[in-house]
C-alpha atoms as a PDB file:
ATOM      1  CA  MET A   1      11.167   9.018 -19.163  1.00  0.00           C
ATOM      2  CA  ARG A   2      14.740   7.704 -18.893  1.00  0.00           C
ATOM      3  CA  ALA A   3      15.929  11.118 -17.737  1.00  0.00           C
ATOM      4  CA  HIS A   4      13.068  11.331 -15.244  1.00  0.00           C
ATOM      5  CA  ARG A   5      13.964   7.899 -13.881  1.00  0.00           C
ATOM      6  CA  GLN A   6      17.573   8.963 -13.386  1.00  0.00           C
ATOM      7  CA  TYR A   7      16.337  12.091 -11.604  1.00  0.00           C
ATOM      8  CA  LEU A   8      14.207   9.993  -9.222  1.00  0.00           C
ATOM      9  CA  LEU A   9      17.094   7.659  -8.473  1.00  0.00           C
ATOM     10  CA  GLY A  10      19.435  10.585  -7.923  1.00  0.00           C
ATOM     11  CA  ARG A  11      16.971  12.143  -5.458  1.00  0.00           C
ATOM     12  CA  ALA A  12      16.729   8.852  -3.605  1.00  0.00           C
ATOM     13  CA  ILE A  13      20.495   8.455  -3.341  1.00  0.00           C
ATOM     14  CA  ARG A  14      20.934  12.035  -2.081  1.00  0.00           C
ATOM     15  CA  ARG A  15      18.225  11.656   0.528  1.00  0.00           C
ATOM     16  CA  ARG A  16      19.734   8.485   1.965  1.00  0.00           C
ATOM     17  CA  ARG A  17      21.718  10.770   4.275  1.00  0.00           C
ATOM     18  CA  ARG A  18      18.470  11.604   6.077  1.00  0.00           C
ATOM     19  CA  LEU A  19      17.993   7.958   7.082  1.00  0.00           C
ATOM     20  CA  HIS A  20      19.645   6.837  10.306  1.00  0.00           C
ATOM     21  CA  PRO A  21      19.864   3.079  10.968  1.00  0.00           C
ATOM     22  CA  ILE A  22      18.329   2.019  14.263  1.00  0.00           C
ATOM     23  CA  VAL A  23      18.933  -1.672  13.638  1.00  0.00           C
ATOM     24  CA  ASN A  24      20.254  -3.026  10.348  1.00  0.00           C
ATOM     25  CA  ARG A  25      19.745  -6.762   9.962  1.00  0.00           C
ATOM     26  CA  THR A  26      19.926  -6.803   6.181  1.00  0.00           C
ATOM     27  CA  ARG A  27      22.873  -9.221   6.292  1.00  0.00           C
ATOM     28  CA  GLN A  28      20.304 -11.821   7.306  1.00  0.00           C
ATOM     29  CA  ILE A  29      18.533 -11.455   3.948  1.00  0.00           C
ATOM     30  CA  GLY A  30      18.959 -14.640   1.956  1.00  0.00           C
ATOM     31  CA  ARG A  31      19.078 -15.059  -1.781  1.00  0.00           C
ATOM     32  CA  GLY A  32      15.531 -15.147  -3.088  1.00  0.00           C
ATOM     33  CA  ASP A  33      13.899 -13.909   0.129  1.00  0.00           C
ATOM     34  CA  ILE A  34      10.666 -11.988  -0.322  1.00  0.00           C
ATOM     35  CA  LEU A  35      11.021  -8.507   1.193  1.00  0.00           C
ATOM     36  CA  LEU A  36       8.542  -5.912   2.433  1.00  0.00           C
ATOM     37  CA  PHE A  37       9.267  -2.161   2.403  1.00  0.00           C
ATOM     38  CA  MET A  38       7.273   0.399   4.370  1.00  0.00           C
ATOM     39  CA  THR A  39       7.262   3.961   5.713  1.00  0.00           C
ATOM     40  CA  LEU A  40       5.221   4.757   8.805  1.00  0.00           C
ATOM     41  CA  ARG A  41       4.563   7.221  11.561  1.00  0.00           C
ATOM     42  CA  ASN A  42       2.759   6.413  14.822  1.00  0.00           C
ATOM     43  CA  GLU A  43       1.229   3.086  13.781  1.00  0.00           C
ATOM     44  CA  LYS A  44       2.041   0.878  16.771  1.00  0.00           C
ATOM     45  CA  PRO A  45      -1.547  -0.386  17.341  1.00  0.00           C
ATOM     46  CA  ARG A  46      -1.546  -1.897  13.854  1.00  0.00           C
ATOM     47  CA  LEU A  47       1.880  -3.506  13.812  1.00  0.00           C
ATOM     48  CA  ALA A  48       1.394  -6.831  15.600  1.00  0.00           C
ATOM     49  CA  TYR A  49      -1.401  -7.966  13.289  1.00  0.00           C
ATOM     50  CA  PHE A  50       0.282  -6.475  10.198  1.00  0.00           C
ATOM     51  CA  LEU A  51       3.540  -8.333  10.806  1.00  0.00           C
ATOM     52  CA  ASP A  52       1.781 -11.597  11.594  1.00  0.00           C
ATOM     53  CA  TYR A  53      -0.331 -11.306   8.427  1.00  0.00           C
ATOM     54  CA  TYR A  54       2.653 -10.829   6.128  1.00  0.00           C
ATOM     55  CA  ARG A  55       4.845 -13.374   7.881  1.00  0.00           C
ATOM     56  CA  ARG A  56       2.115 -15.952   7.319  1.00  0.00           C
ATOM     57  CA  LEU A  57       1.968 -14.985   3.646  1.00  0.00           C
ATOM     58  CA  GLY A  58       5.722 -15.581   3.350  1.00  0.00           C
ATOM     59  CA  VAL A  59       7.553 -12.266   3.769  1.00  0.00           C
ATOM     60  CA  GLN A  60      10.991 -13.029   5.173  1.00  0.00           C
ATOM     61  CA  HIS A  61      12.388  -9.591   5.955  1.00  0.00           C
ATOM     62  CA  PHE A  62      10.853  -6.163   6.589  1.00  0.00           C
ATOM     63  CA  LEU A  63      12.663  -2.901   5.839  1.00  0.00           C
ATOM     64  CA  VAL A  64      10.963   0.016   7.576  1.00  0.00           C
ATOM     65  CA  VAL A  65      11.473   3.774   7.730  1.00  0.00           C
ATOM     66  CA  ASP A  66      10.075   5.270  10.941  1.00  0.00           C
ATOM     67  CA  ASN A  67       9.274   8.927  10.275  1.00  0.00           C
ATOM     68  CA  ASP A  68       9.619  10.477  13.732  1.00  0.00           C
ATOM     69  CA  SER A  69       7.101   8.282  15.587  1.00  0.00           C
ATOM     70  CA  ASP A  70       6.519   9.097  19.253  1.00  0.00           C
ATOM     71  CA  ASP A  71       4.184   6.207  20.119  1.00  0.00           C
ATOM     72  CA  GLY A  72       6.832   3.461  20.427  1.00  0.00           C
ATOM     73  CA  SER A  73       6.547   2.187  16.827  1.00  0.00           C
ATOM     74  CA  GLY A  74      10.262   2.383  16.193  1.00  0.00           C
ATOM     75  CA  GLU A  75      11.221   0.636  19.407  1.00  0.00           C
ATOM     76  CA  TYR A  76       8.678  -2.117  18.833  1.00  0.00           C
ATOM     77  CA  LEU A  77       9.931  -2.765  15.315  1.00  0.00           C
ATOM     78  CA  ALA A  78      13.577  -2.695  16.365  1.00  0.00           C
ATOM     79  CA  GLY A  79      12.842  -5.543  18.766  1.00  0.00           C
ATOM     80  CA  GLN A  80      11.638  -7.860  16.002  1.00  0.00           C
ATOM     81  CA  PRO A  81      14.276 -10.317  14.695  1.00  0.00           C
ATOM     82  CA  ASP A  82      13.293 -10.062  11.006  1.00  0.00           C
ATOM     83  CA  ILE A  83      13.096  -6.291  10.701  1.00  0.00           C
ATOM     84  CA  SER A  84      15.603  -3.590   9.781  1.00  0.00           C
ATOM     85  CA  VAL A  85      14.625  -0.079  10.872  1.00  0.00           C
ATOM     86  CA  TRP A  86      15.785   3.363   9.814  1.00  0.00           C
ATOM     87  CA  SER A  87      14.587   6.559  11.442  1.00  0.00           C
ATOM     88  CA  THR A  88      14.257  10.063  10.082  1.00  0.00           C
ATOM     89  CA  ARG A  89      12.854  13.363  11.251  1.00  0.00           C
ATOM     90  CA  ALA A  90      12.960  14.766   7.714  1.00  0.00           C
ATOM     91  CA  SER A  91       9.883  16.040   5.938  1.00  0.00           C
ATOM     92  CA  TYR A  92       7.597  13.311   4.562  1.00  0.00           C
ATOM     93  CA  LYS A  93       6.349  15.785   1.957  1.00  0.00           C
ATOM     94  CA  ASP A  94       9.847  16.776   0.880  1.00  0.00           C
ATOM     95  CA  SER A  95      10.760  13.122   0.356  1.00  0.00           C
ATOM     96  CA  ARG A  96       7.958  12.747  -2.220  1.00  0.00           C
ATOM     97  CA  PHE A  97       5.743  11.338   0.527  1.00  0.00           C
ATOM     98  CA  GLY A  98       8.309   8.759   1.562  1.00  0.00           C
ATOM     99  CA  MET A  99       9.045   7.423  -1.926  1.00  0.00           C
ATOM    100  CA  ASP A 100      12.603   8.807  -2.032  1.00  0.00           C
ATOM    101  CA  TRP A 101      13.350   6.717   1.058  1.00  0.00           C
ATOM    102  CA  MET A 102      11.647   3.657  -0.407  1.00  0.00           C
ATOM    103  CA  ASN A 103      13.418   3.983  -3.766  1.00  0.00           C
ATOM    104  CA  TYR A 104      16.789   4.165  -2.009  1.00  0.00           C
ATOM    105  CA  LEU A 105      16.184   1.115   0.169  1.00  0.00           C
ATOM    106  CA  LEU A 106      14.734  -0.830  -2.753  1.00  0.00           C
ATOM    107  CA  ARG A 107      17.786   0.023  -4.857  1.00  0.00           C
ATOM    108  CA  ARG A 108      20.206  -0.819  -2.037  1.00  0.00           C
ATOM    109  CA  HIS A 109      18.596  -4.000  -0.694  1.00  0.00           C
ATOM    110  CA  GLY A 110      15.806  -5.102  -3.016  1.00  0.00           C
ATOM    111  CA  SER A 111      17.596  -5.792  -6.286  1.00  0.00           C
ATOM    112  CA  GLY A 112      17.042  -9.393  -7.385  1.00  0.00           C
ATOM    113  CA  HIS A 113      14.209  -9.926  -4.889  1.00  0.00           C
ATOM    114  CA  TRP A 114      10.442  -9.866  -5.093  1.00  0.00           C
ATOM    115  CA  CYS A 115       9.614  -6.740  -3.110  1.00  0.00           C
ATOM    116  CA  LEU A 116       6.293  -5.768  -1.621  1.00  0.00           C
ATOM    117  CA  THR A 117       5.904  -2.056  -0.892  1.00  0.00           C
ATOM    118  CA  VAL A 118       2.841  -1.225   1.201  1.00  0.00           C
ATOM    119  CA  ASP A 119       1.506   1.010   3.952  1.00  0.00           C
ATOM    120  CA  PRO A 120       0.759  -0.367   7.426  1.00  0.00           C
ATOM    121  CA  ASP A 121      -2.970  -0.334   6.684  1.00  0.00           C
ATOM    122  CA  GLU A 122      -2.715  -2.308   3.419  1.00  0.00           C
ATOM    123  CA  PHE A 123      -3.173  -6.085   3.287  1.00  0.00           C
ATOM    124  CA  LEU A 124      -2.509  -7.987   0.074  1.00  0.00           C
ATOM    125  CA  VAL A 125      -5.133 -10.478  -1.129  1.00  0.00           C
ATOM    126  CA  TYR A 126      -4.485 -12.452  -4.302  1.00  0.00           C
ATOM    127  CA  PRO A 127      -6.008 -15.540  -5.977  1.00  0.00           C
ATOM    128  CA  HIS A 128      -5.506 -18.667  -3.847  1.00  0.00           C
ATOM    129  CA  CYS A 129      -3.997 -16.660  -0.980  1.00  0.00           C
ATOM    130  CA  ASP A 130      -5.845 -18.888   1.487  1.00  0.00           C
ATOM    131  CA  THR A 131      -4.039 -22.005   0.260  1.00  0.00           C
ATOM    132  CA  ARG A 132      -0.900 -20.802  -1.542  1.00  0.00           C
ATOM    133  CA  PRO A 133       1.853 -18.677   0.000  1.00  0.00           C
ATOM    134  CA  LEU A 134       3.275 -15.594  -1.640  1.00  0.00           C
ATOM    135  CA  ARG A 135       6.184 -17.719  -2.847  1.00  0.00           C
ATOM    136  CA  ALA A 136       3.804 -19.721  -5.049  1.00  0.00           C
ATOM    137  CA  LEU A 137       2.618 -16.514  -6.691  1.00  0.00           C
ATOM    138  CA  THR A 138       6.122 -15.128  -7.242  1.00  0.00           C
ATOM    139  CA  ASP A 139       7.352 -18.457  -8.613  1.00  0.00           C
ATOM    140  CA  TRP A 140       4.509 -18.413 -11.131  1.00  0.00           C
ATOM    141  CA  LEU A 141       5.249 -14.795 -12.039  1.00  0.00           C
ATOM    142  CA  ASP A 142       8.918 -15.739 -12.571  1.00  0.00           C
ATOM    143  CA  ALA A 143       7.974 -18.686 -14.744  1.00  0.00           C
ATOM    144  CA  SER A 144       5.665 -16.419 -16.740  1.00  0.00           C
ATOM    145  CA  THR A 145       8.388 -13.741 -17.079  1.00  0.00           C
ATOM    146  CA  ILE A 146       6.088 -11.214 -15.363  1.00  0.00           C
ATOM    147  CA  LYS A 147       7.986  -8.621 -13.319  1.00  0.00           C
ATOM    148  CA  SER A 148       5.176  -6.697 -11.603  1.00  0.00           C
ATOM    149  CA  PHE A 149       1.827  -7.518 -10.034  1.00  0.00           C
ATOM    150  CA  SER A 150      -1.040  -5.080  -9.534  1.00  0.00           C
ATOM    151  CA  ALA A 151      -3.516  -4.828  -6.671  1.00  0.00           C
ATOM    152  CA  MET A 152      -6.436  -2.405  -6.501  1.00  0.00           C
ATOM    153  CA  LEU A 153      -6.767  -0.599  -3.179  1.00  0.00           C
ATOM    154  CA  LEU A 154     -10.094  -1.746  -1.747  1.00  0.00           C
ATOM    155  CA  ASP A 155     -11.309   0.558   1.018  1.00  0.00           C
ATOM    156  CA  MET A 156     -12.812  -1.412   3.899  1.00  0.00           C
ATOM    157  CA  TYR A 157     -15.125   0.171   6.464  1.00  0.00           C
ATOM    158  CA  PRO A 158     -17.448  -0.667   9.369  1.00  0.00           C
ATOM    159  CA  LYS A 159     -21.227  -0.435   9.407  1.00  0.00           C
ATOM    160  CA  GLY A 160     -22.142   2.632  11.460  1.00  0.00           C
ATOM    161  CA  GLN A 161     -20.030   5.502  12.646  1.00  0.00           C
ATOM    162  CA  ILE A 162     -16.298   4.861  12.604  1.00  0.00           C
ATOM    163  CA  THR A 163     -15.939   5.628  16.298  1.00  0.00           C
ATOM    164  CA  GLU A 164     -18.639   3.186  17.415  1.00  0.00           C
ATOM    165  CA  GLN A 165     -16.370   0.117  17.449  1.00  0.00           C
ATOM    166  CA  PRO A 166     -13.036   0.830  19.155  1.00  0.00           C
ATOM    167  CA  TYR A 167     -10.034  -0.843  17.580  1.00  0.00           C
ATOM    168  CA  VAL A 168      -7.854  -2.772  20.039  1.00  0.00           C
ATOM    169  CA  GLU A 169      -4.094  -3.050  19.509  1.00  0.00           C
ATOM    170  CA  GLY A 170      -3.195  -6.255  17.695  1.00  0.00           C
ATOM    171  CA  GLN A 171      -6.778  -6.927  16.574  1.00  0.00           C
ATOM    172  CA  ASN A 172      -7.633  -8.127  13.070  1.00  0.00           C
ATOM    173  CA  PRO A 173      -8.935  -4.832  11.604  1.00  0.00           C
ATOM    174  CA  PHE A 174     -11.358  -6.695   9.332  1.00  0.00           C
ATOM    175  CA  GLU A 175     -13.337  -7.876  12.313  1.00  0.00           C
ATOM    176  CA  ILE A 176     -14.542  -4.260  12.349  1.00  0.00           C
ATOM    177  CA  ALA A 177     -13.910  -2.889   8.856  1.00  0.00           C
ATOM    178  CA  CYS A 178     -15.532  -5.782   6.999  1.00  0.00           C
ATOM    179  CA  TRP A 179     -17.600  -3.957   4.338  1.00  0.00           C
ATOM    180  CA  PHE A 180     -16.630  -2.599   0.911  1.00  0.00           C
ATOM    181  CA  ASP A 181     -18.089  -1.108  -2.267  1.00  0.00           C
ATOM    182  CA  PRO A 182     -18.547  -3.906  -4.842  1.00  0.00           C
ATOM    183  CA  ALA A 183     -18.792  -1.436  -7.745  1.00  0.00           C
ATOM    184  CA  ASN A 184     -18.717   2.371  -8.084  1.00  0.00           C
ATOM    185  CA  TYR A 185     -15.250   2.555  -9.679  1.00  0.00           C
ATOM    186  CA  ALA A 186     -13.990   4.590 -12.644  1.00  0.00           C
ATOM    187  CA  ILE A 187     -10.959   3.472 -14.628  1.00  0.00           C
ATOM    188  CA  ARG A 188      -8.867   5.132 -17.341  1.00  0.00           C
ATOM    189  CA  LYS A 189      -5.432   4.773 -18.851  1.00  0.00           C
ATOM    190  CA  ASN A 190      -2.632   7.195 -18.082  1.00  0.00           C
ATOM    191  CA  GLY A 191      -1.266   8.093 -21.483  1.00  0.00           C
ATOM    192  CA  GLU A 192       2.130   9.223 -20.190  1.00  0.00           C
ATOM    193  CA  PHE A 193       3.063   6.296 -17.928  1.00  0.00           C
ATOM    194  CA  GLY A 194       0.796   3.614 -19.380  1.00  0.00           C
ATOM    195  CA  ASN A 195      -0.668   2.607 -16.020  1.00  0.00           C
ATOM    196  CA  LEU A 196      -4.351   2.357 -15.200  1.00  0.00           C
ATOM    197  CA  TRP A 197      -5.888   5.060 -13.012  1.00  0.00           C
ATOM    198  CA  ILE A 198      -8.726   3.923 -10.733  1.00  0.00           C
ATOM    199  CA  GLN A 199     -10.918   6.110  -8.529  1.00  0.00           C
ATOM    200  CA  GLY A 200     -14.163   5.741  -6.633  1.00  0.00           C
ATOM    201  CA  GLY A 201     -15.287   3.477  -3.827  1.00  0.00           C
ATOM    202  CA  PRO A 202     -16.409   4.931  -0.501  1.00  0.00           C
ATOM    203  CA  ARG A 203     -13.864   7.728  -0.546  1.00  0.00           C
ATOM    204  CA  GLY A 204     -15.116   8.927  -3.912  1.00  0.00           C
ATOM    205  CA  ARG A 205     -18.733   8.396  -2.873  1.00  0.00           C
ATOM    206  CA  VAL A 206     -18.603  10.081   0.547  1.00  0.00           C
ATOM    207  CA  PHE A 207     -15.611  12.424   0.674  1.00  0.00           C
ATOM    208  CA  PHE A 208     -15.371  13.621  -2.962  1.00  0.00           C
ATOM    209  CA  PRO A 209     -18.942  13.350  -4.339  1.00  0.00           C
ATOM    210  CA  GLU A 210     -18.756  16.802  -5.979  1.00  0.00           C
ATOM    211  CA  ASP A 211     -15.135  16.478  -7.129  1.00  0.00           C
ATOM    212  CA  PRO A 212     -14.603  12.863  -8.276  1.00  0.00           C
ATOM    213  CA  GLN A 213     -11.566  13.763 -10.389  1.00  0.00           C
ATOM    214  CA  ASN A 214      -9.681  14.588  -7.191  1.00  0.00           C
ATOM    215  CA  ALA A 215     -10.681  11.435  -5.313  1.00  0.00           C
ATOM    216  CA  PRO A 216      -7.705   9.332  -4.187  1.00  0.00           C
ATOM    217  CA  ALA A 217      -6.185   6.906  -6.706  1.00  0.00           C
ATOM    218  CA  LEU A 218      -6.852   3.247  -6.000  1.00  0.00           C
ATOM    219  CA  ASN A 219      -4.475   1.667  -8.536  1.00  0.00           C
ATOM    220  CA  LYS A 220      -1.344   0.119  -7.015  1.00  0.00           C
ATOM    221  CA  ILE A 221       1.585  -1.979  -8.245  1.00  0.00           C
ATOM    222  CA  PRO A 222       2.940  -3.127  -4.875  1.00  0.00           C
ATOM    223  CA  LEU A 223       4.749  -6.351  -5.843  1.00  0.00           C
ATOM    224  CA  VAL A 224       7.762  -6.081  -8.136  1.00  0.00           C
ATOM    225  CA  ARG A 225      10.819  -8.207  -8.932  1.00  0.00           C
ATOM    226  CA  TRP A 226      13.122  -5.308  -8.242  1.00  0.00           C
ATOM    227  CA  GLU A 227      16.196  -4.156 -10.163  1.00  0.00           C
ATOM    228  CA  ARG A 228      18.550  -1.308  -9.270  1.00  0.00           C
ATOM    229  CA  SER A 229      17.417   0.748 -12.243  1.00  0.00           C
ATOM    230  CA  TYR A 230      13.724   0.775 -11.210  1.00  0.00           C
ATOM    231  CA  ALA A 231      11.960   3.612  -9.417  1.00  0.00           C
ATOM    232  CA  TYR A 232       8.492   4.330  -8.137  1.00  0.00           C
ATOM    233  CA  ALA A 233       7.328   7.568  -9.788  1.00  0.00           C
ATOM    234  CA  SER A 234       4.231   8.362  -7.698  1.00  0.00           C
ATOM    235  CA  SER A 235       3.605   6.391  -4.519  1.00  0.00           C
ATOM    236  CA  THR A 236       3.143   2.776  -5.666  1.00  0.00           C
ATOM    237  CA  HIS A 237       0.702   3.896  -8.375  1.00  0.00           C
ATOM    238  CA  MET A 238       3.236   3.753 -11.161  1.00  0.00           C
ATOM    239  CA  LEU A 239       6.876   2.904 -11.907  1.00  0.00           C
ATOM    240  CA  LEU A 240       9.680   3.497 -14.315  1.00  0.00           C
ATOM    241  CA  PRO A 241      10.519   1.944 -16.688  1.00  0.00           C
ATOM    242  CA  ARG A 242       6.975   2.177 -18.035  1.00  0.00           C
ATOM    243  CA  SER A 243       6.861  -1.484 -19.051  1.00  0.00           C
ATOM    244  CA  LEU A 244       6.325  -2.342 -15.362  1.00  0.00           C
ATOM    245  CA  ASN A 245       2.991  -0.523 -15.478  1.00  0.00           C
ATOM    246  CA  LEU A 246       1.513  -2.852 -18.120  1.00  0.00           C
ATOM    247  CA  VAL A 247      -0.213  -5.079 -15.604  1.00  0.00           C
ATOM    248  CA  TYR A 248      -3.406  -5.418 -17.663  1.00  0.00           C
ATOM    249  CA  ASP A 249      -4.430  -6.928 -20.996  1.00  0.00           C
ATOM    250  CA  GLU A 250      -5.740  -4.640 -23.762  1.00  0.00           C
ATOM    251  CA  ASP A 251      -6.736  -7.504 -26.069  1.00  0.00           C
ATOM    252  CA  GLY A 252      -9.793  -8.716 -24.186  1.00  0.00           C
ATOM    253  CA  GLY A 253      -8.061 -11.087 -21.792  1.00  0.00           C
ATOM    254  CA  GLU A 254      -7.135 -10.654 -18.157  1.00  0.00           C
ATOM    255  CA  LYS A 255      -3.837 -10.682 -16.309  1.00  0.00           C
ATOM    256  CA  ALA A 256      -3.589 -11.971 -12.770  1.00  0.00           C
ATOM    257  CA  SER A 257      -4.161  -9.256 -10.162  1.00  0.00           C
ATOM    258  CA  GLY A 258      -5.023  -8.824  -6.513  1.00  0.00           C
ATOM    259  CA  CYS A 259      -6.430  -6.317  -4.048  1.00  0.00           C
ATOM    260  CA  LEU A 260      -4.948  -4.429  -1.127  1.00  0.00           C
ATOM    261  CA  LEU A 261      -7.582  -4.463   1.606  1.00  0.00           C
ATOM    262  CA  HIS A 262      -7.314  -0.968   3.020  1.00  0.00           C
ATOM    263  CA  ALA A 263      -7.971  -0.791   6.765  1.00  0.00           C
ATOM    264  CA  LYS A 264      -7.819   3.003   7.084  1.00  0.00           C
ATOM    265  CA  PHE A 265     -11.305   3.543   8.479  1.00  0.00           C
ATOM    266  CA  LEU A 266     -11.047   2.370  12.082  1.00  0.00           C
ATOM    267  CA  SER A 267     -11.767   4.289  15.277  1.00  0.00           C
ATOM    268  CA  THR A 268      -8.126   5.392  15.384  1.00  0.00           C
ATOM    269  CA  PHE A 269      -8.601   7.265  12.102  1.00  0.00           C
ATOM    270  CA  VAL A 270     -10.343  10.255  13.723  1.00  0.00           C
ATOM    271  CA  ALA A 271      -7.268  11.246  15.727  1.00  0.00           C
ATOM    272  CA  LYS A 272      -4.948  10.260  12.878  1.00  0.00           C
ATOM    273  CA  SER A 273      -6.711  12.469  10.329  1.00  0.00           C
ATOM    274  CA  ALA A 274      -6.616  15.447  12.710  1.00  0.00           C
ATOM    275  CA  GLU A 275      -2.902  14.916  13.290  1.00  0.00           C
ATOM    276  CA  GLU A 276      -2.090  14.625   9.596  1.00  0.00           C
ATOM    277  CA  LEU A 277      -4.193  17.659   8.721  1.00  0.00           C
ATOM    278  CA  ASP A 278      -2.247  19.657  11.280  1.00  0.00           C
ATOM    279  CA  ARG A 279       1.112  18.384   9.952  1.00  0.00           C
ATOM    280  CA  GLN A 280       0.304  19.309   6.319  1.00  0.00           C
ATOM    281  CA  GLN A 281       2.667  16.620   4.988  1.00  0.00           C
ATOM    282  CA  HIS A 282       0.428  14.971   2.419  1.00  0.00           C
ATOM    283  CA  TYR A 283      -0.255  15.363  -1.281  1.00  0.00           C
ATOM    284  CA  ALA A 284      -1.867  18.552  -2.697  1.00  0.00           C
ATOM    285  CA  ASP A 285      -1.597  20.466   0.586  1.00  0.00           C
ATOM    286  CA  SER A 286      -3.427  17.611   2.364  1.00  0.00           C
ATOM    287  CA  GLN A 287      -6.699  18.216   0.505  1.00  0.00           C
ATOM    288  CA  GLU A 288      -7.597  14.560   1.087  1.00  0.00           C
ATOM    289  CA  TYR A 289      -7.287  15.000   4.842  1.00  0.00           C
ATOM    290  CA  ARG A 290      -9.268  18.233   4.734  1.00  0.00           C
ATOM    291  CA  ALA A 291     -12.092  16.256   3.120  1.00  0.00           C
ATOM    292  CA  TYR A 292     -11.817  13.564   5.768  1.00  0.00           C
ATOM    293  CA  HIS A 293     -11.822  16.057   8.615  1.00  0.00           C
ATOM    294  CA  SER A 294     -14.858  17.894   7.266  1.00  0.00           C
ATOM    295  CA  ALA A 295     -16.894  14.696   6.881  1.00  0.00           C
ATOM    296  CA  LEU A 296     -15.798  13.183  10.188  1.00  0.00           C
ATOM    297  CA  LYS A 297     -17.200  16.216  12.046  1.00  0.00           C
ATOM    298  CA  ASP A 298     -20.626  15.049  10.863  1.00  0.00           C
ATOM    299  CA  ASP A 299     -20.121  11.495  12.232  1.00  0.00           C
ATOM    300  CA  ILE A 300     -20.403   9.987   8.771  1.00  0.00           C
ATOM    301  CA  ASP A 301     -21.307   6.362   8.083  1.00  0.00           C
ATOM    302  CA  LEU A 302     -19.573   4.918   5.008  1.00  0.00           C
ATOM    303  CA  TRP A 303     -21.988   1.988   4.819  1.00  0.00           C
ATOM    304  CA  CYS A 304     -24.786   2.070   2.230  1.00  0.00           C
ATOM    305  CA  ASP A 305     -27.416  -0.329   0.884  1.00  0.00           C
ATOM    306  CA  GLN A 306     -25.038  -1.523  -1.819  1.00  0.00           C
ATOM    307  CA  SER A 307     -22.198  -2.299   0.606  1.00  0.00           C
ATOM    308  CA  ARG A 308     -20.966  -5.884   0.570  1.00  0.00           C
ATOM    309  CA  ARG A 309     -19.528  -7.835   3.512  1.00  0.00           C
ATOM    310  CA  PHE A 310     -16.090  -9.302   2.705  1.00  0.00           C
ATOM    311  CA  ASP A 311     -15.842 -13.089   2.483  1.00  0.00           C
ATOM    312  CA  ASP A 312     -12.709 -14.142   0.605  1.00  0.00           C
ATOM    313  CA  TRP A 313     -10.730 -13.724  -2.602  1.00  0.00           C
ATOM    314  CA  ARG A 314     -13.252 -15.782  -4.591  1.00  0.00           C
ATOM    315  CA  GLN A 315     -15.914 -13.188  -3.859  1.00  0.00           C
ATOM    316  CA  LEU A 316     -13.585 -10.464  -5.183  1.00  0.00           C
ATOM    317  CA  GLU A 317     -12.937 -12.533  -8.309  1.00  0.00           C
ATOM    318  CA  ASP A 318     -16.679 -12.976  -8.904  1.00  0.00           C
ATOM    319  CA  LEU A 319     -17.093  -9.194  -8.675  1.00  0.00           C
ATOM    320  CA  GLY A 320     -14.243  -8.605 -11.143  1.00  0.00           C
ATOM    321  CA  LEU A 321     -12.049  -6.856  -8.584  1.00  0.00           C
ATOM    322  CA  ILE A 322      -9.209  -9.415  -8.836  1.00  0.00           C
ATOM    323  CA  SER A 323      -8.331 -11.970 -11.480  1.00  0.00           C
ATOM    324  CA  LYS A 324      -6.566 -15.334 -11.633  1.00  0.00           C
ATOM    325  CA  GLY A 325      -5.578 -14.641 -15.217  1.00  0.00           C
ATOM    326  CA  ASN A 326      -3.658 -17.694 -16.427  1.00  0.00           C
ATOM    327  CA  TRP A 327      -2.742 -18.770 -12.877  1.00  0.00           C
ATOM    328  CA  ALA A 328      -4.869 -21.865 -12.411  1.00  0.00           C
END
């Protein structure tokens, strides 16, 4: 594992040459600032709400890699005073789906900071997030000597066909995608890395009903007090050193955890899935996007009788999807 971690860090350092700074404001980063890291391509309609959401939570600087967008995403981000932007036309697939770029920027700028690594369609929800900023959570994690915080990816979706309710730029996506699966999840432990592996939800139920073992992973560890020697090994599903993956209690208790509300399934997803299928830049020869494309041709509806409308974090705690742990 130590050798593998050094290999991942070496890859990240070598691939830094593929990143070209558009605007580098990292000198503005203050000691103790909470940072957000992200890779994107053609996500401009989402950005205004995304940035506002995380600024309100307490993120103080955003570090973004724009992977050859042609919809104005890079220009929009470069105009924001609290964002540093790098561009690249390099292969997303060849960069381990963007994680080489993230590992480099985390190593270069994230050390000593609480760092949140998410996609532009992921929105962190944690216990007390409606009354306590992210700083309150990270202060408690520091006081508890906890270095990483997990959040299950919770797929959100509309009722009815995805294309029925057009998404408007800047809109709160959860005005449309306000439903989720309250159960229907399988969980197991990864013996090699020690992390939990979670699958299921609407993507398992609708897109991979005959092949649940290949359904997308829903386990994430997006919030980490970063050090230069750390590395994400597979997306944000797991890290090295392995101790960072022990975000659960095996003795019958519970550790604090959150959810990432996943706003993938909006009207914009139809065109996005076709584009990504054509680009062939995703995991396992884009088998996930092949499944999406096949189902979308049939105008699928992800809603079912067991679907639950999202209320707040307390609802997710009652369902066992997040936990306060010892954080009162």
